N, C-alpha and C. Protein backbone atom coordinates (compact mmCIF):
# COMPACT_ATOMS: atom_id res chain seq x y z
N MET A 1 19.93 -28.64 -111.96
CA MET A 1 19.05 -27.48 -111.90
C MET A 1 19.64 -26.27 -112.63
N ALA A 2 20.94 -26.12 -112.56
CA ALA A 2 21.57 -24.92 -113.10
C ALA A 2 21.61 -24.94 -114.62
N ARG A 3 21.30 -23.82 -115.24
CA ARG A 3 21.44 -23.60 -116.67
C ARG A 3 22.01 -22.21 -116.86
N LYS A 4 22.41 -21.89 -118.07
CA LYS A 4 23.09 -20.63 -118.31
C LYS A 4 22.27 -19.44 -117.87
N ASN A 5 20.98 -19.44 -118.17
CA ASN A 5 20.16 -18.27 -117.88
C ASN A 5 19.59 -18.26 -116.47
N ASP A 6 19.90 -19.27 -115.67
CA ASP A 6 19.38 -19.31 -114.30
C ASP A 6 19.91 -18.17 -113.45
N SER A 7 21.13 -17.76 -113.72
CA SER A 7 21.76 -16.74 -112.88
C SER A 7 20.96 -15.44 -112.87
N PHE A 8 20.24 -15.15 -113.95
CA PHE A 8 19.43 -13.92 -114.00
C PHE A 8 18.42 -13.91 -112.86
N TYR A 9 17.73 -15.03 -112.68
CA TYR A 9 16.72 -15.10 -111.64
C TYR A 9 17.34 -15.09 -110.24
N PHE A 10 18.38 -15.89 -110.06
CA PHE A 10 19.00 -15.95 -108.75
C PHE A 10 19.64 -14.63 -108.36
N ASP A 11 20.23 -13.94 -109.34
CA ASP A 11 20.80 -12.61 -109.06
C ASP A 11 19.69 -11.63 -108.66
N GLY A 12 18.54 -11.74 -109.33
CA GLY A 12 17.42 -10.88 -108.98
C GLY A 12 16.91 -11.14 -107.58
N PHE A 13 16.81 -12.41 -107.22
CA PHE A 13 16.38 -12.76 -105.86
C PHE A 13 17.37 -12.23 -104.83
N ARG A 14 18.66 -12.35 -105.15
CA ARG A 14 19.69 -11.85 -104.22
C ARG A 14 19.59 -10.33 -104.06
N GLU A 15 19.35 -9.64 -105.17
CA GLU A 15 19.19 -8.18 -105.09
C GLU A 15 17.98 -7.83 -104.21
N SER A 16 16.88 -8.53 -104.40
CA SER A 16 15.68 -8.26 -103.62
C SER A 16 15.93 -8.51 -102.14
N ALA A 17 16.62 -9.61 -101.82
CA ALA A 17 16.92 -9.92 -100.42
C ALA A 17 17.84 -8.86 -99.82
N ALA A 18 18.78 -8.38 -100.62
CA ALA A 18 19.69 -7.34 -100.13
C ALA A 18 18.93 -6.05 -99.83
N TYR A 19 17.97 -5.70 -100.69
CA TYR A 19 17.15 -4.51 -100.44
C TYR A 19 16.30 -4.69 -99.19
N ALA A 20 15.80 -5.90 -98.96
CA ALA A 20 15.04 -6.17 -97.73
C ALA A 20 15.91 -5.93 -96.51
N CYS A 21 17.17 -6.36 -96.57
CA CYS A 21 18.09 -6.13 -95.46
C CYS A 21 18.35 -4.64 -95.27
N GLN A 22 18.55 -3.92 -96.37
CA GLN A 22 18.76 -2.47 -96.27
C GLN A 22 17.56 -1.81 -95.58
N ALA A 23 16.36 -2.20 -96.00
CA ALA A 23 15.16 -1.61 -95.43
C ALA A 23 15.04 -1.94 -93.94
N ALA A 24 15.30 -3.20 -93.58
CA ALA A 24 15.18 -3.61 -92.18
C ALA A 24 16.19 -2.90 -91.29
N HIS A 25 17.41 -2.75 -91.77
CA HIS A 25 18.44 -2.10 -90.95
C HIS A 25 18.22 -0.58 -90.89
N LEU A 26 17.64 -0.02 -91.95
CA LEU A 26 17.27 1.40 -91.87
C LEU A 26 16.18 1.59 -90.83
N LEU A 27 15.18 0.71 -90.83
CA LEU A 27 14.12 0.78 -89.81
C LEU A 27 14.70 0.66 -88.41
N SER A 28 15.63 -0.27 -88.24
CA SER A 28 16.25 -0.45 -86.93
C SER A 28 17.00 0.81 -86.51
N GLU A 29 17.71 1.42 -87.45
CA GLU A 29 18.45 2.65 -87.14
C GLU A 29 17.49 3.77 -86.74
N VAL A 30 16.40 3.90 -87.47
CA VAL A 30 15.41 4.93 -87.15
C VAL A 30 14.82 4.70 -85.76
N MET A 31 14.49 3.46 -85.46
CA MET A 31 13.89 3.13 -84.17
C MET A 31 14.85 3.38 -83.01
N HIS A 32 16.09 2.98 -83.18
CA HIS A 32 17.05 3.10 -82.08
C HIS A 32 17.56 4.52 -81.88
N ASN A 33 17.44 5.35 -82.91
CA ASN A 33 17.87 6.75 -82.80
C ASN A 33 16.69 7.66 -83.17
N PHE A 34 15.56 7.40 -82.55
CA PHE A 34 14.32 8.01 -83.02
C PHE A 34 14.30 9.52 -82.82
N ASP A 35 13.97 10.20 -83.92
CA ASP A 35 13.81 11.65 -83.92
C ASP A 35 12.64 11.97 -84.83
N PRO A 36 11.50 12.35 -84.25
CA PRO A 36 10.32 12.62 -85.08
C PRO A 36 10.57 13.65 -86.18
N GLU A 37 11.50 14.56 -85.93
CA GLU A 37 11.79 15.60 -86.92
C GLU A 37 12.51 15.04 -88.14
N GLN A 38 13.15 13.89 -87.98
CA GLN A 38 13.88 13.28 -89.09
C GLN A 38 13.09 12.17 -89.79
N LEU A 39 11.88 11.92 -89.32
CA LEU A 39 11.12 10.79 -89.83
C LEU A 39 10.79 10.93 -91.31
N LYS A 40 10.44 12.13 -91.73
CA LYS A 40 10.09 12.33 -93.15
C LYS A 40 11.28 12.02 -94.05
N ASP A 41 12.47 12.45 -93.65
CA ASP A 41 13.67 12.14 -94.44
C ASP A 41 13.93 10.64 -94.49
N SER A 42 13.71 9.97 -93.37
CA SER A 42 13.91 8.51 -93.33
C SER A 42 12.89 7.81 -94.23
N MET A 43 11.67 8.33 -94.26
CA MET A 43 10.65 7.76 -95.14
C MET A 43 11.06 7.88 -96.61
N GLU A 44 11.63 9.00 -96.96
CA GLU A 44 12.07 9.19 -98.34
C GLU A 44 13.21 8.24 -98.69
N GLN A 45 14.12 8.05 -97.74
CA GLN A 45 15.21 7.10 -97.95
C GLN A 45 14.66 5.68 -98.09
N MET A 46 13.71 5.33 -97.25
CA MET A 46 13.09 4.01 -97.33
C MET A 46 12.36 3.83 -98.65
N HIS A 47 11.69 4.87 -99.11
CA HIS A 47 10.95 4.75 -100.37
C HIS A 47 11.90 4.53 -101.55
N ARG A 48 13.07 5.10 -101.50
CA ARG A 48 14.05 4.87 -102.57
C ARG A 48 14.47 3.40 -102.60
N ILE A 49 14.63 2.81 -101.43
CA ILE A 49 14.95 1.38 -101.36
C ILE A 49 13.81 0.57 -101.96
N GLU A 50 12.58 0.92 -101.58
CA GLU A 50 11.40 0.19 -102.07
C GLU A 50 11.28 0.31 -103.59
N GLN A 51 11.55 1.49 -104.13
CA GLN A 51 11.46 1.68 -105.58
C GLN A 51 12.53 0.87 -106.30
N SER A 52 13.73 0.81 -105.75
CA SER A 52 14.80 0.01 -106.36
C SER A 52 14.42 -1.46 -106.36
N ALA A 53 13.81 -1.91 -105.27
CA ALA A 53 13.38 -3.31 -105.19
C ALA A 53 12.27 -3.59 -106.20
N ASP A 54 11.37 -2.64 -106.38
CA ASP A 54 10.31 -2.81 -107.38
C ASP A 54 10.87 -2.99 -108.77
N LYS A 55 11.91 -2.25 -109.10
CA LYS A 55 12.54 -2.37 -110.42
C LYS A 55 13.09 -3.77 -110.63
N VAL A 56 13.68 -4.34 -109.59
CA VAL A 56 14.19 -5.71 -109.69
C VAL A 56 13.04 -6.68 -109.96
N ARG A 57 11.96 -6.53 -109.20
CA ARG A 57 10.82 -7.43 -109.39
C ARG A 57 10.23 -7.29 -110.79
N HIS A 58 10.14 -6.08 -111.29
CA HIS A 58 9.58 -5.87 -112.63
C HIS A 58 10.47 -6.51 -113.69
N ARG A 59 11.79 -6.42 -113.52
CA ARG A 59 12.70 -7.08 -114.47
C ARG A 59 12.49 -8.58 -114.47
N LEU A 60 12.35 -9.14 -113.28
CA LEU A 60 12.12 -10.58 -113.18
C LEU A 60 10.81 -10.98 -113.86
N MET A 61 9.76 -10.21 -113.62
CA MET A 61 8.46 -10.54 -114.21
C MET A 61 8.47 -10.36 -115.72
N ASP A 62 9.13 -9.32 -116.20
CA ASP A 62 9.22 -9.10 -117.65
C ASP A 62 9.94 -10.26 -118.33
N GLU A 63 11.00 -10.73 -117.73
CA GLU A 63 11.76 -11.85 -118.28
C GLU A 63 10.94 -13.13 -118.22
N LEU A 64 10.21 -13.30 -117.15
CA LEU A 64 9.44 -14.52 -116.95
C LEU A 64 8.37 -14.70 -118.03
N VAL A 65 7.81 -13.58 -118.51
CA VAL A 65 6.76 -13.64 -119.52
C VAL A 65 7.26 -14.28 -120.81
N THR A 66 8.50 -14.01 -121.16
CA THR A 66 9.03 -14.46 -122.47
C THR A 66 10.01 -15.62 -122.36
N ALA A 67 10.40 -15.99 -121.15
CA ALA A 67 11.43 -17.02 -120.99
C ALA A 67 10.93 -18.38 -121.48
N PHE A 68 11.79 -19.10 -122.16
CA PHE A 68 11.48 -20.45 -122.63
C PHE A 68 11.84 -21.49 -121.57
N ILE A 69 12.96 -21.23 -120.89
CA ILE A 69 13.44 -22.15 -119.85
C ILE A 69 13.63 -21.36 -118.56
N THR A 70 13.17 -21.91 -117.46
CA THR A 70 13.35 -21.27 -116.15
C THR A 70 13.95 -22.28 -115.18
N PRO A 71 14.62 -21.83 -114.13
CA PRO A 71 15.29 -22.76 -113.21
C PRO A 71 14.32 -23.64 -112.43
N PHE A 72 13.11 -23.14 -112.18
CA PHE A 72 12.05 -23.94 -111.58
C PHE A 72 10.72 -23.35 -112.02
N ASP A 73 9.61 -23.87 -111.52
CA ASP A 73 8.29 -23.47 -112.02
C ASP A 73 8.10 -21.96 -112.05
N ARG A 74 7.47 -21.48 -113.13
CA ARG A 74 7.21 -20.05 -113.27
C ARG A 74 6.42 -19.50 -112.09
N GLU A 75 5.42 -20.27 -111.65
CA GLU A 75 4.59 -19.81 -110.54
C GLU A 75 5.44 -19.61 -109.28
N ASP A 76 6.42 -20.48 -109.07
CA ASP A 76 7.27 -20.36 -107.89
C ASP A 76 8.21 -19.17 -108.00
N ILE A 77 8.70 -18.92 -109.20
CA ILE A 77 9.55 -17.74 -109.40
C ILE A 77 8.76 -16.47 -109.12
N GLY A 78 7.54 -16.41 -109.67
CA GLY A 78 6.70 -15.25 -109.42
C GLY A 78 6.35 -15.10 -107.96
N GLN A 79 6.03 -16.21 -107.29
CA GLN A 79 5.67 -16.16 -105.88
C GLN A 79 6.82 -15.69 -105.02
N LEU A 80 8.02 -16.22 -105.28
CA LEU A 80 9.18 -15.82 -104.48
C LEU A 80 9.48 -14.34 -104.68
N SER A 81 9.36 -13.88 -105.92
CA SER A 81 9.60 -12.46 -106.19
C SER A 81 8.62 -11.58 -105.43
N TYR A 82 7.37 -11.99 -105.39
CA TYR A 82 6.34 -11.18 -104.72
C TYR A 82 6.50 -11.20 -103.21
N VAL A 83 6.80 -12.35 -102.62
CA VAL A 83 6.90 -12.37 -101.16
C VAL A 83 8.14 -11.61 -100.68
N LEU A 84 9.21 -11.62 -101.49
CA LEU A 84 10.37 -10.79 -101.14
C LEU A 84 9.99 -9.31 -101.17
N ASP A 85 9.21 -8.94 -102.17
CA ASP A 85 8.77 -7.55 -102.27
C ASP A 85 7.84 -7.18 -101.13
N ASP A 86 7.01 -8.14 -100.69
CA ASP A 86 6.10 -7.87 -99.57
C ASP A 86 6.86 -7.49 -98.30
N VAL A 87 8.01 -8.13 -98.08
CA VAL A 87 8.81 -7.82 -96.89
C VAL A 87 9.18 -6.34 -96.89
N ILE A 88 9.66 -5.86 -98.03
CA ILE A 88 10.11 -4.47 -98.13
C ILE A 88 8.93 -3.52 -97.99
N ASP A 89 7.81 -3.86 -98.63
CA ASP A 89 6.61 -3.01 -98.53
C ASP A 89 6.14 -2.89 -97.08
N SER A 90 6.16 -4.00 -96.35
CA SER A 90 5.70 -3.98 -94.96
C SER A 90 6.63 -3.16 -94.07
N ILE A 91 7.93 -3.29 -94.32
CA ILE A 91 8.89 -2.50 -93.54
C ILE A 91 8.69 -1.01 -93.80
N GLU A 92 8.51 -0.66 -95.07
CA GLU A 92 8.23 0.74 -95.39
C GLU A 92 6.95 1.20 -94.69
N GLY A 93 5.97 0.30 -94.62
CA GLY A 93 4.70 0.65 -94.01
C GLY A 93 4.81 0.99 -92.54
N VAL A 94 5.79 0.44 -91.85
CA VAL A 94 5.98 0.76 -90.43
C VAL A 94 6.31 2.24 -90.28
N LEU A 95 7.25 2.73 -91.08
CA LEU A 95 7.60 4.15 -91.00
C LEU A 95 6.43 5.03 -91.39
N ASP A 96 5.68 4.63 -92.41
CA ASP A 96 4.52 5.41 -92.83
C ASP A 96 3.54 5.57 -91.66
N ARG A 97 3.30 4.48 -90.96
CA ARG A 97 2.35 4.53 -89.85
C ARG A 97 2.88 5.35 -88.68
N MET A 98 4.15 5.28 -88.42
CA MET A 98 4.72 6.10 -87.35
C MET A 98 4.57 7.58 -87.68
N TYR A 99 4.65 7.89 -88.96
CA TYR A 99 4.53 9.29 -89.39
C TYR A 99 3.09 9.78 -89.30
N TYR A 100 2.15 9.05 -89.94
CA TYR A 100 0.80 9.61 -89.97
C TYR A 100 0.02 9.36 -88.68
N ASP A 101 0.51 8.44 -87.82
CA ASP A 101 -0.10 8.30 -86.49
C ASP A 101 0.57 9.21 -85.46
N ASN A 102 1.56 9.99 -85.92
CA ASN A 102 2.23 10.98 -85.08
C ASN A 102 2.87 10.35 -83.84
N VAL A 103 3.63 9.29 -84.05
CA VAL A 103 4.38 8.67 -82.95
C VAL A 103 5.51 9.61 -82.56
N THR A 104 5.65 9.89 -81.27
CA THR A 104 6.66 10.85 -80.82
C THR A 104 7.80 10.21 -80.04
N ASP A 105 7.61 8.97 -79.59
CA ASP A 105 8.72 8.24 -78.97
C ASP A 105 8.51 6.75 -79.23
N VAL A 106 9.52 5.96 -78.91
CA VAL A 106 9.50 4.54 -79.28
C VAL A 106 9.35 3.67 -78.04
N ARG A 107 8.46 2.73 -78.11
CA ARG A 107 8.25 1.79 -77.02
C ARG A 107 9.26 0.66 -77.11
N PRO A 108 9.70 0.11 -75.98
CA PRO A 108 10.77 -0.90 -75.99
C PRO A 108 10.42 -2.16 -76.78
N GLU A 109 9.14 -2.54 -76.79
CA GLU A 109 8.76 -3.73 -77.55
C GLU A 109 8.94 -3.52 -79.06
N ALA A 110 8.79 -2.27 -79.49
CA ALA A 110 9.00 -1.97 -80.91
C ALA A 110 10.47 -2.16 -81.29
N LEU A 111 11.36 -1.78 -80.39
CA LEU A 111 12.78 -2.01 -80.65
C LEU A 111 13.06 -3.50 -80.75
N GLN A 112 12.45 -4.26 -79.85
CA GLN A 112 12.67 -5.71 -79.86
C GLN A 112 12.14 -6.34 -81.15
N MET A 113 10.96 -5.95 -81.57
CA MET A 113 10.39 -6.51 -82.79
C MET A 113 11.17 -6.08 -84.03
N THR A 114 11.65 -4.85 -84.02
CA THR A 114 12.45 -4.36 -85.14
C THR A 114 13.74 -5.16 -85.27
N GLU A 115 14.38 -5.44 -84.15
CA GLU A 115 15.60 -6.25 -84.18
C GLU A 115 15.32 -7.66 -84.71
N MET A 116 14.17 -8.19 -84.37
CA MET A 116 13.78 -9.51 -84.87
C MET A 116 13.60 -9.48 -86.39
N VAL A 117 12.96 -8.44 -86.89
CA VAL A 117 12.75 -8.32 -88.34
C VAL A 117 14.09 -8.18 -89.05
N ALA A 118 14.99 -7.38 -88.51
CA ALA A 118 16.32 -7.23 -89.11
C ALA A 118 17.07 -8.55 -89.13
N HIS A 119 16.97 -9.31 -88.04
CA HIS A 119 17.62 -10.62 -87.97
C HIS A 119 17.01 -11.57 -88.98
N ALA A 120 15.69 -11.55 -89.12
CA ALA A 120 15.02 -12.41 -90.10
C ALA A 120 15.46 -12.06 -91.52
N CYS A 121 15.61 -10.76 -91.80
CA CYS A 121 16.05 -10.36 -93.14
C CYS A 121 17.49 -10.78 -93.40
N ASP A 122 18.33 -10.73 -92.39
CA ASP A 122 19.70 -11.24 -92.55
C ASP A 122 19.66 -12.73 -92.89
N GLN A 123 18.79 -13.47 -92.24
CA GLN A 123 18.64 -14.89 -92.53
C GLN A 123 18.10 -15.11 -93.95
N ILE A 124 17.19 -14.26 -94.38
CA ILE A 124 16.65 -14.35 -95.74
C ILE A 124 17.75 -14.15 -96.76
N GLU A 125 18.62 -13.17 -96.52
CA GLU A 125 19.70 -12.91 -97.47
C GLU A 125 20.60 -14.14 -97.59
N GLY A 126 20.91 -14.78 -96.46
CA GLY A 126 21.70 -16.00 -96.51
C GLY A 126 20.95 -17.14 -97.18
N LEU A 127 19.67 -17.24 -96.90
CA LEU A 127 18.84 -18.29 -97.48
C LEU A 127 18.78 -18.18 -99.00
N ILE A 128 18.52 -16.98 -99.49
CA ILE A 128 18.45 -16.76 -100.94
C ILE A 128 19.81 -17.01 -101.59
N GLY A 129 20.86 -16.65 -100.88
CA GLY A 129 22.20 -16.89 -101.41
C GLY A 129 22.51 -18.37 -101.60
N GLU A 130 21.87 -19.22 -100.81
CA GLU A 130 22.10 -20.65 -100.90
C GLU A 130 21.16 -21.36 -101.88
N LEU A 131 20.14 -20.66 -102.36
CA LEU A 131 19.14 -21.30 -103.20
C LEU A 131 19.70 -21.94 -104.48
N PRO A 132 20.64 -21.31 -105.19
CA PRO A 132 21.13 -21.96 -106.42
C PRO A 132 21.79 -23.31 -106.18
N GLN A 133 22.35 -23.52 -105.01
CA GLN A 133 23.02 -24.79 -104.69
C GLN A 133 22.30 -25.50 -103.56
N PHE A 134 20.96 -25.43 -103.56
CA PHE A 134 20.22 -25.94 -102.41
C PHE A 134 20.47 -27.43 -102.15
N LYS A 135 20.76 -28.20 -103.21
CA LYS A 135 20.96 -29.63 -103.00
C LYS A 135 22.25 -29.92 -102.24
N ARG A 136 23.18 -29.00 -102.31
CA ARG A 136 24.45 -29.19 -101.60
C ARG A 136 24.55 -28.39 -100.32
N SER A 137 23.55 -27.55 -100.06
CA SER A 137 23.60 -26.69 -98.89
C SER A 137 23.41 -27.50 -97.61
N LYS A 138 24.22 -27.19 -96.62
CA LYS A 138 24.12 -27.85 -95.32
C LYS A 138 23.37 -26.99 -94.30
N THR A 139 23.09 -25.73 -94.68
CA THR A 139 22.48 -24.81 -93.71
C THR A 139 21.17 -24.21 -94.17
N LEU A 140 20.72 -24.49 -95.40
CA LEU A 140 19.50 -23.87 -95.90
C LEU A 140 18.30 -24.19 -95.00
N ARG A 141 18.13 -25.43 -94.62
CA ARG A 141 17.01 -25.80 -93.77
C ARG A 141 17.11 -25.15 -92.39
N GLU A 142 18.34 -24.97 -91.92
CA GLU A 142 18.53 -24.31 -90.63
C GLU A 142 18.06 -22.85 -90.71
N ARG A 143 18.31 -22.21 -91.85
CA ARG A 143 17.88 -20.82 -92.01
C ARG A 143 16.36 -20.72 -92.08
N VAL A 144 15.73 -21.66 -92.77
CA VAL A 144 14.26 -21.69 -92.81
C VAL A 144 13.71 -21.82 -91.40
N PHE A 145 14.28 -22.74 -90.63
CA PHE A 145 13.83 -22.95 -89.26
C PHE A 145 14.07 -21.71 -88.41
N ALA A 146 15.21 -21.05 -88.61
CA ALA A 146 15.52 -19.84 -87.84
C ALA A 146 14.51 -18.74 -88.10
N ILE A 147 14.11 -18.56 -89.37
CA ILE A 147 13.12 -17.53 -89.71
C ILE A 147 11.76 -17.89 -89.12
N ASN A 148 11.38 -19.17 -89.20
CA ASN A 148 10.12 -19.61 -88.58
C ASN A 148 10.13 -19.32 -87.09
N THR A 149 11.25 -19.56 -86.43
CA THR A 149 11.36 -19.32 -84.99
C THR A 149 11.25 -17.84 -84.66
N ILE A 150 11.89 -17.01 -85.47
CA ILE A 150 11.81 -15.55 -85.25
C ILE A 150 10.36 -15.09 -85.35
N GLU A 151 9.64 -15.61 -86.34
CA GLU A 151 8.24 -15.21 -86.50
C GLU A 151 7.41 -15.61 -85.28
N THR A 152 7.64 -16.81 -84.77
CA THR A 152 6.92 -17.26 -83.58
C THR A 152 7.25 -16.39 -82.38
N ASP A 153 8.53 -16.07 -82.21
CA ASP A 153 8.94 -15.22 -81.10
C ASP A 153 8.36 -13.81 -81.23
N ALA A 154 8.31 -13.31 -82.47
CA ALA A 154 7.73 -11.98 -82.71
C ALA A 154 6.25 -11.95 -82.35
N ASP A 155 5.54 -13.06 -82.60
CA ASP A 155 4.14 -13.15 -82.21
C ASP A 155 3.98 -13.01 -80.70
N HIS A 156 4.86 -13.67 -79.96
CA HIS A 156 4.80 -13.59 -78.50
C HIS A 156 5.07 -12.17 -78.01
N VAL A 157 6.06 -11.52 -78.60
CA VAL A 157 6.37 -10.13 -78.21
C VAL A 157 5.18 -9.23 -78.55
N PHE A 158 4.58 -9.46 -79.71
CA PHE A 158 3.42 -8.67 -80.12
C PHE A 158 2.28 -8.78 -79.11
N ILE A 159 1.99 -10.00 -78.69
CA ILE A 159 0.90 -10.21 -77.74
C ILE A 159 1.17 -9.46 -76.43
N GLU A 160 2.39 -9.60 -75.91
CA GLU A 160 2.73 -8.92 -74.66
C GLU A 160 2.78 -7.41 -74.84
N ALA A 161 3.23 -6.96 -76.00
CA ALA A 161 3.28 -5.52 -76.27
C ALA A 161 1.87 -4.93 -76.28
N MET A 162 0.93 -5.65 -76.91
CA MET A 162 -0.44 -5.17 -76.97
C MET A 162 -1.08 -5.19 -75.57
N ARG A 163 -0.77 -6.22 -74.81
CA ARG A 163 -1.29 -6.29 -73.45
C ARG A 163 -0.80 -5.11 -72.61
N THR A 164 0.50 -4.84 -72.69
CA THR A 164 1.07 -3.72 -71.93
C THR A 164 0.49 -2.39 -72.40
N LEU A 165 0.35 -2.25 -73.71
CA LEU A 165 -0.20 -1.01 -74.27
C LEU A 165 -1.60 -0.75 -73.73
N HIS A 166 -2.43 -1.76 -73.75
CA HIS A 166 -3.84 -1.57 -73.37
C HIS A 166 -4.06 -1.50 -71.86
N THR A 167 -3.07 -1.92 -71.10
CA THR A 167 -3.24 -1.88 -69.64
C THR A 167 -2.49 -0.74 -68.97
N THR A 168 -1.60 -0.10 -69.69
CA THR A 168 -0.80 0.96 -69.06
C THR A 168 -0.91 2.32 -69.74
N CYS A 169 -1.25 2.35 -71.01
CA CYS A 169 -1.31 3.63 -71.73
C CYS A 169 -2.69 4.26 -71.56
N THR A 170 -2.72 5.49 -71.14
CA THR A 170 -3.98 6.18 -70.89
C THR A 170 -4.38 7.16 -72.00
N ASP A 171 -3.52 7.33 -72.97
CA ASP A 171 -3.80 8.23 -74.08
C ASP A 171 -4.42 7.42 -75.23
N PRO A 172 -5.69 7.59 -75.53
CA PRO A 172 -6.33 6.77 -76.57
C PRO A 172 -5.71 6.94 -77.95
N LEU A 173 -5.18 8.12 -78.23
CA LEU A 173 -4.55 8.33 -79.53
C LEU A 173 -3.26 7.51 -79.64
N GLN A 174 -2.50 7.44 -78.54
CA GLN A 174 -1.28 6.64 -78.56
C GLN A 174 -1.60 5.14 -78.60
N VAL A 175 -2.67 4.75 -77.94
CA VAL A 175 -3.10 3.34 -78.03
C VAL A 175 -3.41 3.00 -79.49
N PHE A 176 -4.15 3.86 -80.14
CA PHE A 176 -4.49 3.64 -81.55
C PHE A 176 -3.23 3.59 -82.41
N ALA A 177 -2.33 4.56 -82.19
CA ALA A 177 -1.12 4.65 -83.00
C ALA A 177 -0.26 3.40 -82.84
N TRP A 178 -0.03 2.99 -81.61
CA TRP A 178 0.85 1.85 -81.38
C TRP A 178 0.20 0.52 -81.74
N HIS A 179 -1.10 0.44 -81.66
CA HIS A 179 -1.79 -0.74 -82.17
C HIS A 179 -1.47 -0.92 -83.65
N ASP A 180 -1.52 0.18 -84.37
CA ASP A 180 -1.23 0.18 -85.81
C ASP A 180 0.22 -0.21 -86.08
N VAL A 181 1.15 0.39 -85.35
CA VAL A 181 2.58 0.13 -85.58
C VAL A 181 2.93 -1.30 -85.19
N PHE A 182 2.49 -1.74 -84.02
CA PHE A 182 2.79 -3.10 -83.59
C PHE A 182 2.23 -4.13 -84.56
N ARG A 183 1.02 -3.91 -85.03
CA ARG A 183 0.42 -4.86 -85.97
C ARG A 183 1.23 -4.94 -87.25
N HIS A 184 1.76 -3.79 -87.69
CA HIS A 184 2.53 -3.82 -88.93
C HIS A 184 3.92 -4.42 -88.72
N LEU A 185 4.49 -4.25 -87.56
CA LEU A 185 5.75 -4.94 -87.26
C LEU A 185 5.55 -6.44 -87.25
N GLU A 186 4.43 -6.88 -86.71
CA GLU A 186 4.13 -8.31 -86.74
C GLU A 186 3.98 -8.79 -88.19
N GLN A 187 3.37 -7.96 -89.03
CA GLN A 187 3.21 -8.32 -90.45
C GLN A 187 4.57 -8.48 -91.12
N CYS A 188 5.53 -7.64 -90.75
CA CYS A 188 6.89 -7.77 -91.29
C CYS A 188 7.46 -9.16 -91.00
N ALA A 189 7.29 -9.60 -89.75
CA ALA A 189 7.79 -10.92 -89.38
C ALA A 189 7.04 -12.02 -90.13
N ASP A 190 5.72 -11.85 -90.29
CA ASP A 190 4.93 -12.81 -91.05
C ASP A 190 5.41 -12.91 -92.49
N ASP A 191 5.71 -11.76 -93.09
CA ASP A 191 6.16 -11.74 -94.48
C ASP A 191 7.54 -12.39 -94.63
N CYS A 192 8.39 -12.22 -93.63
CA CYS A 192 9.69 -12.90 -93.65
C CYS A 192 9.49 -14.41 -93.63
N GLU A 193 8.56 -14.86 -92.81
CA GLU A 193 8.28 -16.30 -92.76
C GLU A 193 7.72 -16.80 -94.09
N SER A 194 6.94 -15.98 -94.76
CA SER A 194 6.41 -16.37 -96.08
C SER A 194 7.54 -16.63 -97.07
N VAL A 195 8.58 -15.82 -97.02
CA VAL A 195 9.74 -16.04 -97.89
C VAL A 195 10.36 -17.40 -97.59
N ALA A 196 10.56 -17.69 -96.30
CA ALA A 196 11.14 -18.97 -95.91
C ALA A 196 10.28 -20.13 -96.36
N ASN A 197 8.97 -19.99 -96.24
CA ASN A 197 8.06 -21.06 -96.61
C ASN A 197 8.05 -21.30 -98.12
N VAL A 198 8.12 -20.22 -98.90
CA VAL A 198 8.16 -20.37 -100.36
C VAL A 198 9.45 -21.05 -100.79
N VAL A 199 10.57 -20.63 -100.21
CA VAL A 199 11.85 -21.28 -100.53
C VAL A 199 11.80 -22.76 -100.14
N ASP A 200 11.26 -23.04 -98.97
CA ASP A 200 11.15 -24.43 -98.52
C ASP A 200 10.33 -25.24 -99.49
N SER A 201 9.23 -24.67 -99.98
CA SER A 201 8.38 -25.37 -100.95
C SER A 201 9.12 -25.62 -102.27
N ILE A 202 9.87 -24.63 -102.72
CA ILE A 202 10.64 -24.76 -103.96
C ILE A 202 11.65 -25.90 -103.83
N VAL A 203 12.33 -25.93 -102.71
CA VAL A 203 13.34 -26.97 -102.47
C VAL A 203 12.69 -28.35 -102.46
N MET A 204 11.56 -28.46 -101.78
CA MET A 204 10.87 -29.76 -101.72
C MET A 204 10.42 -30.23 -103.10
N LYS A 205 9.91 -29.31 -103.91
CA LYS A 205 9.43 -29.67 -105.25
C LYS A 205 10.56 -30.10 -106.17
N ASN A 206 11.76 -29.55 -105.97
CA ASN A 206 12.86 -29.78 -106.90
C ASN A 206 13.94 -30.71 -106.37
N SER A 207 13.67 -31.35 -105.25
CA SER A 207 14.65 -32.28 -104.67
C SER A 207 14.45 -33.69 -105.22
């Protein structure tokens, strides 16, 4: 599978995964040390991460247009690049929603879901790191399974979080706000699973 120019793509994927981890851990830090007065600054920091990740994706796509040889199917390279970018976009979207929905404190289920997303992104970084040597990797499939499990667990937390929100919160504006935030945290976990599924598909096609 390896060729001289393959490293360009794999390095780009690794950069994207690293930015996803940065975004996830920044979100976790914001959630665990929540200060509404600092949210705008955190959003700006998150946006810088998102912009850096976009530059990586654009470089990959620009190269893909003219490349004669690629490490695997062009469609799969494009798909993996996009789903990695989706993770970062969704994480950024959580902070955006907390800001414009005027969230003033953090619910415990949000902390739990944020930790799950951060853990999934850590697994993604390891998974992408193993992709160039997937035929020799002993843990790549375990990482795919771990991300799938995190997504399933996040779904369960989401359901219980929504149930608690709708049965205990009496402020309709807060119900609306947290419905929005919880749904987007669930989307983060879904997007992490999409990365795992795309990698799994690539491995199956090239084995």
